[in-house]
Amino acid sequence: RFTTRGARHIISHTLEMMLAAMSVIWEGVCDKH
């Protein structure tokens, strides 16, 4: 959705980590392990 390096860096690093947190917390990795 964005073309500049700064915007893409802001988005990718934080939003991918938020989704990873969803994956390991909400989807049960931490609970099962």
ModelCIF file with pLDDT and N, C-alpha, C, O atoms, coordinates in Angstrom:
data_MODEL
#
_entry.id   MODEL 
#
_entity.id                         1 
_entity.type                       polymer 
_entity.pdbx_number_of_molecules   1 
#
_entity_poly.entity_id                      1 
_entity_poly.type                           'polypeptide(L)' 
_entity_poly.nstd_linkage                   no 
_entity_poly.nstd_monomer                   no 
_entity_poly.pdbx_seq_one_letter_code       RFTTRGARHIISHTLEMMLAAMSVIWEGVCDKH 
_entity_poly.pdbx_seq_one_letter_code_can   RFTTRGARHIISHTLEMMLAAMSVIWEGVCDKH 
_entity_poly.pdbx_strand_id                 A 
#
loop_
_entity_poly_seq.entity_id 
_entity_poly_seq.num 
_entity_poly_seq.mon_id 
_entity_poly_seq.hetero 
1 1  ARG n 
1 2  PHE n 
1 3  THR n 
1 4  THR n 
1 5  ARG n 
1 6  GLY n 
1 7  ALA n 
1 8  ARG n 
1 9  HIS n 
1 10 ILE n 
1 11 ILE n 
1 12 SER n 
1 13 HIS n 
1 14 THR n 
1 15 LEU n 
1 16 GLU n 
1 17 MET n 
1 18 MET n 
1 19 LEU n 
1 20 ALA n 
1 21 ALA n 
1 22 MET n 
1 23 SER n 
1 24 VAL n 
1 25 ILE n 
1 26 TRP n 
1 27 GLU n 
1 28 GLY n 
1 29 VAL n 
1 30 CYS n 
1 31 ASP n 
1 32 LYS n 
1 33 HIS n 
#
_struct_asym.id          A 
_struct_asym.entity_id   1 
#
loop_
_ma_qa_metric.id 
_ma_qa_metric.mode 
_ma_qa_metric.name 
_ma_qa_metric.software_group_id 
_ma_qa_metric.type 
1 global pLDDT . pLDDT 
2 local  pLDDT . pLDDT 
#
_ma_qa_metric_global.metric_id      1 
_ma_qa_metric_global.metric_value   93.55 
_ma_qa_metric_global.model_id       1 
_ma_qa_metric_global.ordinal_id     1 
#
loop_
_ma_qa_metric_local.label_asym_id 
_ma_qa_metric_local.label_comp_id 
_ma_qa_metric_local.label_seq_id 
_ma_qa_metric_local.metric_id 
_ma_qa_metric_local.metric_value 
_ma_qa_metric_local.model_id 
_ma_qa_metric_local.ordinal_id 
A ARG 1  2 92.00 1 1  
A PHE 2  2 90.00 1 2  
A THR 3  2 91.00 1 3  
A THR 4  2 91.00 1 4  
A ARG 5  2 86.00 1 5  
A GLY 6  2 87.00 1 6  
A ALA 7  2 90.00 1 7  
A ARG 8  2 86.00 1 8  
A HIS 9  2 83.00 1 9  
A ILE 10 2 86.00 1 10 
A ILE 11 2 86.00 1 11 
A SER 12 2 86.00 1 12 
A HIS 13 2 88.00 1 13 
A THR 14 2 93.00 1 14 
A LEU 15 2 95.00 1 15 
A GLU 16 2 95.00 1 16 
A MET 17 2 96.00 1 17 
A MET 18 2 97.00 1 18 
A LEU 19 2 97.00 1 19 
A ALA 20 2 98.00 1 20 
A ALA 21 2 98.00 1 21 
A MET 22 2 98.00 1 22 
A SER 23 2 98.00 1 23 
A VAL 24 2 98.00 1 24 
A ILE 25 2 98.00 1 25 
A TRP 26 2 98.00 1 26 
A GLU 27 2 98.00 1 27 
A GLY 28 2 98.00 1 28 
A VAL 29 2 98.00 1 29 
A CYS 30 2 98.00 1 30 
A ASP 31 2 98.00 1 31 
A LYS 32 2 98.00 1 32 
A HIS 33 2 98.00 1 33 
#
loop_
_atom_site.group_PDB 
_atom_site.id 
_atom_site.type_symbol 
_atom_site.label_atom_id 
_atom_site.label_alt_id 
_atom_site.label_comp_id 
_atom_site.label_asym_id 
_atom_site.label_entity_id 
_atom_site.label_seq_id 
_atom_site.pdbx_PDB_ins_code 
_atom_site.Cartn_x 
_atom_site.Cartn_y 
_atom_site.Cartn_z 
_atom_site.occupancy 
_atom_site.B_iso_or_equiv 
_atom_site.pdbx_formal_charge 
_atom_site.auth_seq_id 
_atom_site.auth_comp_id 
_atom_site.auth_asym_id 
_atom_site.auth_atom_id 
_atom_site.pdbx_PDB_model_num 
ATOM 1   N N  . ARG A 1 1  ? 0.812  -1.218  0.000  1.00 92.00 ? 1  ARG A N  1 
ATOM 2   C CA . ARG A 1 1  ? 0.000  0.000   0.000  1.00 92.00 ? 1  ARG A CA 1 
ATOM 3   C C  . ARG A 1 1  ? 0.848  1.272   0.000  1.00 92.00 ? 1  ARG A C  1 
ATOM 4   O O  . ARG A 1 1  ? 0.306  2.372   -0.103 1.00 92.00 ? 1  ARG A O  1 
ATOM 5   N N  . PHE A 1 2  ? 2.160  1.138   0.113  1.00 90.00 ? 2  PHE A N  1 
ATOM 6   C CA . PHE A 1 2  ? 3.048  2.299   0.200  1.00 90.00 ? 2  PHE A CA 1 
ATOM 7   C C  . PHE A 1 2  ? 4.270  2.068   -0.675 1.00 90.00 ? 2  PHE A C  1 
ATOM 8   O O  . PHE A 1 2  ? 4.611  0.928   -0.992 1.00 90.00 ? 2  PHE A O  1 
ATOM 9   N N  . THR A 1 3  ? 4.925  3.156   -1.062 1.00 91.00 ? 3  THR A N  1 
ATOM 10  C CA . THR A 1 3  ? 6.048  3.033   -1.993 1.00 91.00 ? 3  THR A CA 1 
ATOM 11  C C  . THR A 1 3  ? 7.383  3.435   -1.386 1.00 91.00 ? 3  THR A C  1 
ATOM 12  O O  . THR A 1 3  ? 8.423  3.025   -1.903 1.00 91.00 ? 3  THR A O  1 
ATOM 13  N N  . THR A 1 4  ? 7.402  4.220   -0.313 1.00 91.00 ? 4  THR A N  1 
ATOM 14  C CA . THR A 1 4  ? 8.671  4.713   0.206  1.00 91.00 ? 4  THR A CA 1 
ATOM 15  C C  . THR A 1 4  ? 9.298  3.722   1.180  1.00 91.00 ? 4  THR A C  1 
ATOM 16  O O  . THR A 1 4  ? 8.601  2.944   1.831  1.00 91.00 ? 4  THR A O  1 
ATOM 17  N N  . ARG A 1 5  ? 10.621 3.764   1.268  1.00 86.00 ? 5  ARG A N  1 
ATOM 18  C CA . ARG A 1 5  ? 11.359 2.849   2.148  1.00 86.00 ? 5  ARG A CA 1 
ATOM 19  C C  . ARG A 1 5  ? 10.963 3.048   3.602  1.00 86.00 ? 5  ARG A C  1 
ATOM 20  O O  . ARG A 1 5  ? 10.764 2.080   4.336  1.00 86.00 ? 5  ARG A O  1 
ATOM 21  N N  . GLY A 1 6  ? 10.850 4.315   4.022  1.00 87.00 ? 6  GLY A N  1 
ATOM 22  C CA . GLY A 1 6  ? 10.512 4.579   5.408  1.00 87.00 ? 6  GLY A CA 1 
ATOM 23  C C  . GLY A 1 6  ? 9.159  4.023   5.791  1.00 87.00 ? 6  GLY A C  1 
ATOM 24  O O  . GLY A 1 6  ? 9.018  3.383   6.832  1.00 87.00 ? 6  GLY A O  1 
ATOM 25  N N  . ALA A 1 7  ? 8.160  4.263   4.954  1.00 90.00 ? 7  ALA A N  1 
ATOM 26  C CA . ALA A 1 7  ? 6.812  3.768   5.250  1.00 90.00 ? 7  ALA A CA 1 
ATOM 27  C C  . ALA A 1 7  ? 6.793  2.246   5.318  1.00 90.00 ? 7  ALA A C  1 
ATOM 28  O O  . ALA A 1 7  ? 6.181  1.670   6.218  1.00 90.00 ? 7  ALA A O  1 
ATOM 29  N N  . ARG A 1 8  ? 7.454  1.601   4.382  1.00 86.00 ? 8  ARG A N  1 
ATOM 30  C CA . ARG A 1 8  ? 7.456  0.141   4.370  1.00 86.00 ? 8  ARG A CA 1 
ATOM 31  C C  . ARG A 1 8  ? 8.195  -0.424  5.582  1.00 86.00 ? 8  ARG A C  1 
ATOM 32  O O  . ARG A 1 8  ? 7.805  -1.462  6.118  1.00 86.00 ? 8  ARG A O  1 
ATOM 33  N N  . HIS A 1 9  ? 9.251  0.247   6.011  1.00 83.00 ? 9  HIS A N  1 
ATOM 34  C CA . HIS A 1 9  ? 9.994  -0.201  7.189  1.00 83.00 ? 9  HIS A CA 1 
ATOM 35  C C  . HIS A 1 9  ? 9.139  -0.048  8.449  1.00 83.00 ? 9  HIS A C  1 
ATOM 36  O O  . HIS A 1 9  ? 9.115  -0.939  9.299  1.00 83.00 ? 9  HIS A O  1 
ATOM 37  N N  . ILE A 1 10 ? 8.441  1.079   8.564  1.00 86.00 ? 10 ILE A N  1 
ATOM 38  C CA . ILE A 1 10 ? 7.544  1.292   9.710  1.00 86.00 ? 10 ILE A CA 1 
ATOM 39  C C  . ILE A 1 10 ? 6.499  0.185   9.776  1.00 86.00 ? 10 ILE A C  1 
ATOM 40  O O  . ILE A 1 10 ? 6.227  -0.362  10.844 1.00 86.00 ? 10 ILE A O  1 
ATOM 41  N N  . ILE A 1 11 ? 5.921  -0.137  8.634  1.00 86.00 ? 11 ILE A N  1 
ATOM 42  C CA . ILE A 1 11 ? 4.833  -1.118  8.593  1.00 86.00 ? 11 ILE A CA 1 
ATOM 43  C C  . ILE A 1 11 ? 5.331  -2.527  8.846  1.00 86.00 ? 11 ILE A C  1 
ATOM 44  O O  . ILE A 1 11 ? 4.842  -3.208  9.746  1.00 86.00 ? 11 ILE A O  1 
ATOM 45  N N  . SER A 1 12 ? 6.296  -2.966  8.061  1.00 86.00 ? 12 SER A N  1 
ATOM 46  C CA . SER A 1 12 ? 6.653  -4.387  8.061  1.00 86.00 ? 12 SER A CA 1 
ATOM 47  C C  . SER A 1 12 ? 7.172  -4.851  9.408  1.00 86.00 ? 12 SER A C  1 
ATOM 48  O O  . SER A 1 12 ? 6.778  -5.916  9.885  1.00 86.00 ? 12 SER A O  1 
ATOM 49  N N  . HIS A 1 13 ? 8.046  -4.077  10.031 1.00 88.00 ? 13 HIS A N  1 
ATOM 50  C CA . HIS A 1 13 ? 8.666  -4.545  11.256 1.00 88.00 ? 13 HIS A CA 1 
ATOM 51  C C  . HIS A 1 13 ? 7.653  -4.674  12.399 1.00 88.00 ? 13 HIS A C  1 
ATOM 52  O O  . HIS A 1 13 ? 7.695  -5.640  13.161 1.00 88.00 ? 13 HIS A O  1 
ATOM 53  N N  . THR A 1 14 ? 6.749  -3.707  12.515 1.00 93.00 ? 14 THR A N  1 
ATOM 54  C CA . THR A 1 14 ? 5.810  -3.757  13.630 1.00 93.00 ? 14 THR A CA 1 
ATOM 55  C C  . THR A 1 14 ? 4.596  -4.621  13.326 1.00 93.00 ? 14 THR A C  1 
ATOM 56  O O  . THR A 1 14 ? 4.202  -5.437  14.160 1.00 93.00 ? 14 THR A O  1 
ATOM 57  N N  . LEU A 1 15 ? 3.995  -4.464  12.155 1.00 95.00 ? 15 LEU A N  1 
ATOM 58  C CA . LEU A 1 15 ? 2.775  -5.218  11.879 1.00 95.00 ? 15 LEU A CA 1 
ATOM 59  C C  . LEU A 1 15 ? 3.036  -6.713  11.722 1.00 95.00 ? 15 LEU A C  1 
ATOM 60  O O  . LEU A 1 15 ? 2.213  -7.527  12.142 1.00 95.00 ? 15 LEU A O  1 
ATOM 61  N N  . GLU A 1 16 ? 4.163  -7.085  11.128 1.00 95.00 ? 16 GLU A N  1 
ATOM 62  C CA . GLU A 1 16 ? 4.480  -8.513  11.063 1.00 95.00 ? 16 GLU A CA 1 
ATOM 63  C C  . GLU A 1 16 ? 4.694  -9.090  12.467 1.00 95.00 ? 16 GLU A C  1 
ATOM 64  O O  . GLU A 1 16 ? 4.331  -10.234 12.739 1.00 95.00 ? 16 GLU A O  1 
ATOM 65  N N  . MET A 1 17 ? 5.291  -8.281  13.359 1.00 96.00 ? 17 MET A N  1 
ATOM 66  C CA . MET A 1 17 ? 5.502  -8.775  14.720 1.00 96.00 ? 17 MET A CA 1 
ATOM 67  C C  . MET A 1 17 ? 4.190  -8.894  15.475 1.00 96.00 ? 17 MET A C  1 
ATOM 68  O O  . MET A 1 17 ? 4.011  -9.816  16.271 1.00 96.00 ? 17 MET A O  1 
ATOM 69  N N  . MET A 1 18 ? 3.269  -7.964  15.230 1.00 97.00 ? 18 MET A N  1 
ATOM 70  C CA . MET A 1 18 ? 1.954  -8.057  15.862 1.00 97.00 ? 18 MET A CA 1 
ATOM 71  C C  . MET A 1 18 ? 1.237  -9.332  15.430 1.00 97.00 ? 18 MET A C  1 
ATOM 72  O O  . MET A 1 18 ? 0.601  -9.996  16.248 1.00 97.00 ? 18 MET A O  1 
ATOM 73  N N  . LEU A 1 19 ? 1.336  -9.670  14.158 1.00 97.00 ? 19 LEU A N  1 
ATOM 74  C CA . LEU A 1 19 ? 0.706  -10.893 13.681 1.00 97.00 ? 19 LEU A CA 1 
ATOM 75  C C  . LEU A 1 19 ? 1.401  -12.131 14.238 1.00 97.00 ? 19 LEU A C  1 
ATOM 76  O O  . LEU A 1 19 ? 0.752  -13.136 14.529 1.00 97.00 ? 19 LEU A O  1 
ATOM 77  N N  . ALA A 1 20 ? 2.722  -12.056 14.386 1.00 98.00 ? 20 ALA A N  1 
ATOM 78  C CA . ALA A 1 20 ? 3.436  -13.175 14.995 1.00 98.00 ? 20 ALA A CA 1 
ATOM 79  C C  . ALA A 1 20 ? 3.021  -13.354 16.462 1.00 98.00 ? 20 ALA A C  1 
ATOM 80  O O  . ALA A 1 20 ? 2.890  -14.479 16.943 1.00 98.00 ? 20 ALA A O  1 
ATOM 81  N N  . ALA A 1 21 ? 2.816  -12.232 17.166 1.00 98.00 ? 21 ALA A N  1 
ATOM 82  C CA . ALA A 1 21 ? 2.346  -12.319 18.554 1.00 98.00 ? 21 ALA A CA 1 
ATOM 83  C C  . ALA A 1 21 ? 0.969  -12.956 18.605 1.00 98.00 ? 21 ALA A C  1 
ATOM 84  O O  . ALA A 1 21 ? 0.696  -13.774 19.484 1.00 98.00 ? 21 ALA A O  1 
ATOM 85  N N  . MET A 1 22 ? 0.099  -12.592 17.673 1.00 98.00 ? 22 MET A N  1 
ATOM 86  C CA . MET A 1 22 ? -1.204 -13.249 17.570 1.00 98.00 ? 22 MET A CA 1 
ATOM 87  C C  . MET A 1 22 ? -1.038 -14.742 17.364 1.00 98.00 ? 22 MET A C  1 
ATOM 88  O O  . MET A 1 22 ? -1.757 -15.547 17.956 1.00 98.00 ? 22 MET A O  1 
ATOM 89  N N  . SER A 1 23 ? -0.084 -15.104 16.518 1.00 98.00 ? 23 SER A N  1 
ATOM 90  C CA . SER A 1 23 ? 0.114  -16.501 16.168 1.00 98.00 ? 23 SER A CA 1 
ATOM 91  C C  . SER A 1 23 ? 0.562  -17.319 17.382 1.00 98.00 ? 23 SER A C  1 
ATOM 92  O O  . SER A 1 23 ? 0.011  -18.384 17.660 1.00 98.00 ? 23 SER A O  1 
ATOM 93  N N  . VAL A 1 24 ? 1.555  -16.815 18.095 1.00 98.00 ? 24 VAL A N  1 
ATOM 94  C CA . VAL A 1 24 ? 2.100  -17.626 19.193 1.00 98.00 ? 24 VAL A CA 1 
ATOM 95  C C  . VAL A 1 24 ? 1.274  -17.503 20.477 1.00 98.00 ? 24 VAL A C  1 
ATOM 96  O O  . VAL A 1 24 ? 1.285  -18.419 21.298 1.00 98.00 ? 24 VAL A O  1 
ATOM 97  N N  . ILE A 1 25 ? 0.561  -16.389 20.665 1.00 98.00 ? 25 ILE A N  1 
ATOM 98  C CA . ILE A 1 25 ? -0.234 -16.214 21.887 1.00 98.00 ? 25 ILE A CA 1 
ATOM 99  C C  . ILE A 1 25 ? -1.674 -16.651 21.663 1.00 98.00 ? 25 ILE A C  1 
ATOM 100 O O  . ILE A 1 25 ? -2.129 -17.610 22.286 1.00 98.00 ? 25 ILE A O  1 
ATOM 101 N N  . TRP A 1 26 ? -2.399 -15.964 20.785 1.00 98.00 ? 26 TRP A N  1 
ATOM 102 C CA . TRP A 1 26 ? -3.825 -16.250 20.604 1.00 98.00 ? 26 TRP A CA 1 
ATOM 103 C C  . TRP A 1 26 ? -4.063 -17.632 20.004 1.00 98.00 ? 26 TRP A C  1 
ATOM 104 O O  . TRP A 1 26 ? -5.035 -18.298 20.360 1.00 98.00 ? 26 TRP A O  1 
ATOM 105 N N  . GLU A 1 27 ? -3.193 -18.070 19.106 1.00 98.00 ? 27 GLU A N  1 
ATOM 106 C CA . GLU A 1 27 ? -3.399 -19.351 18.431 1.00 98.00 ? 27 GLU A CA 1 
ATOM 107 C C  . GLU A 1 27 ? -2.786 -20.536 19.175 1.00 98.00 ? 27 GLU A C  1 
ATOM 108 O O  . GLU A 1 27 ? -2.806 -21.657 18.668 1.00 98.00 ? 27 GLU A O  1 
ATOM 109 N N  . GLY A 1 28 ? -2.236 -20.299 20.384 1.00 98.00 ? 28 GLY A N  1 
ATOM 110 C CA . GLY A 1 28 ? -1.992 -21.407 21.285 1.00 98.00 ? 28 GLY A CA 1 
ATOM 111 C C  . GLY A 1 28 ? -0.593 -21.959 21.423 1.00 98.00 ? 28 GLY A C  1 
ATOM 112 O O  . GLY A 1 28 ? -0.391 -22.911 22.176 1.00 98.00 ? 28 GLY A O  1 
ATOM 113 N N  . VAL A 1 29 ? 0.392  -21.395 20.719 1.00 98.00 ? 29 VAL A N  1 
ATOM 114 C CA . VAL A 1 29 ? 1.752  -21.932 20.855 1.00 98.00 ? 29 VAL A CA 1 
ATOM 115 C C  . VAL A 1 29 ? 2.224  -21.839 22.302 1.00 98.00 ? 29 VAL A C  1 
ATOM 116 O O  . VAL A 1 29 ? 2.716  -22.820 22.860 1.00 98.00 ? 29 VAL A O  1 
ATOM 117 N N  . CYS A 1 30 ? 2.075  -20.656 22.917 1.00 98.00 ? 30 CYS A N  1 
ATOM 118 C CA . CYS A 1 30 ? 2.522  -20.482 24.302 1.00 98.00 ? 30 CYS A CA 1 
ATOM 119 C C  . CYS A 1 30 ? 1.730  -21.364 25.249 1.00 98.00 ? 30 CYS A C  1 
ATOM 120 O O  . CYS A 1 30 ? 2.293  -21.922 26.191 1.00 98.00 ? 30 CYS A O  1 
ATOM 121 N N  . ASP A 1 31 ? 0.434  -21.498 25.012 1.00 98.00 ? 31 ASP A N  1 
ATOM 122 C CA . ASP A 1 31 ? -0.402 -22.308 25.887 1.00 98.00 ? 31 ASP A CA 1 
ATOM 123 C C  . ASP A 1 31 ? 0.003  -23.774 25.836 1.00 98.00 ? 31 ASP A C  1 
ATOM 124 O O  . ASP A 1 31 ? 0.050  -24.446 26.866 1.00 98.00 ? 31 ASP A O  1 
ATOM 125 N N  . LYS A 1 32 ? 0.292  -24.266 24.648 1.00 98.00 ? 32 LYS A N  1 
ATOM 126 C CA . LYS A 1 32 ? 0.640  -25.677 24.469 1.00 98.00 ? 32 LYS A CA 1 
ATOM 127 C C  . LYS A 1 32 ? 2.085  -25.979 24.847 1.00 98.00 ? 32 LYS A C  1 
ATOM 128 O O  . LYS A 1 32 ? 2.439  -27.129 25.107 1.00 98.00 ? 32 LYS A O  1 
ATOM 129 N N  . HIS A 1 33 ? 2.918  -24.939 24.875 1.00 98.00 ? 33 HIS A N  1 
ATOM 130 C CA . HIS A 1 33 ? 4.351  -25.132 25.152 1.00 98.00 ? 33 HIS A CA 1 
ATOM 131 C C  . HIS A 1 33 ? 4.757  -24.179 26.272 1.00 98.00 ? 33 HIS A C  1 
ATOM 132 O O  . HIS A 1 33 ? 5.919  -24.161 26.676 1.00 98.00 ? 33 HIS A O  1 
#
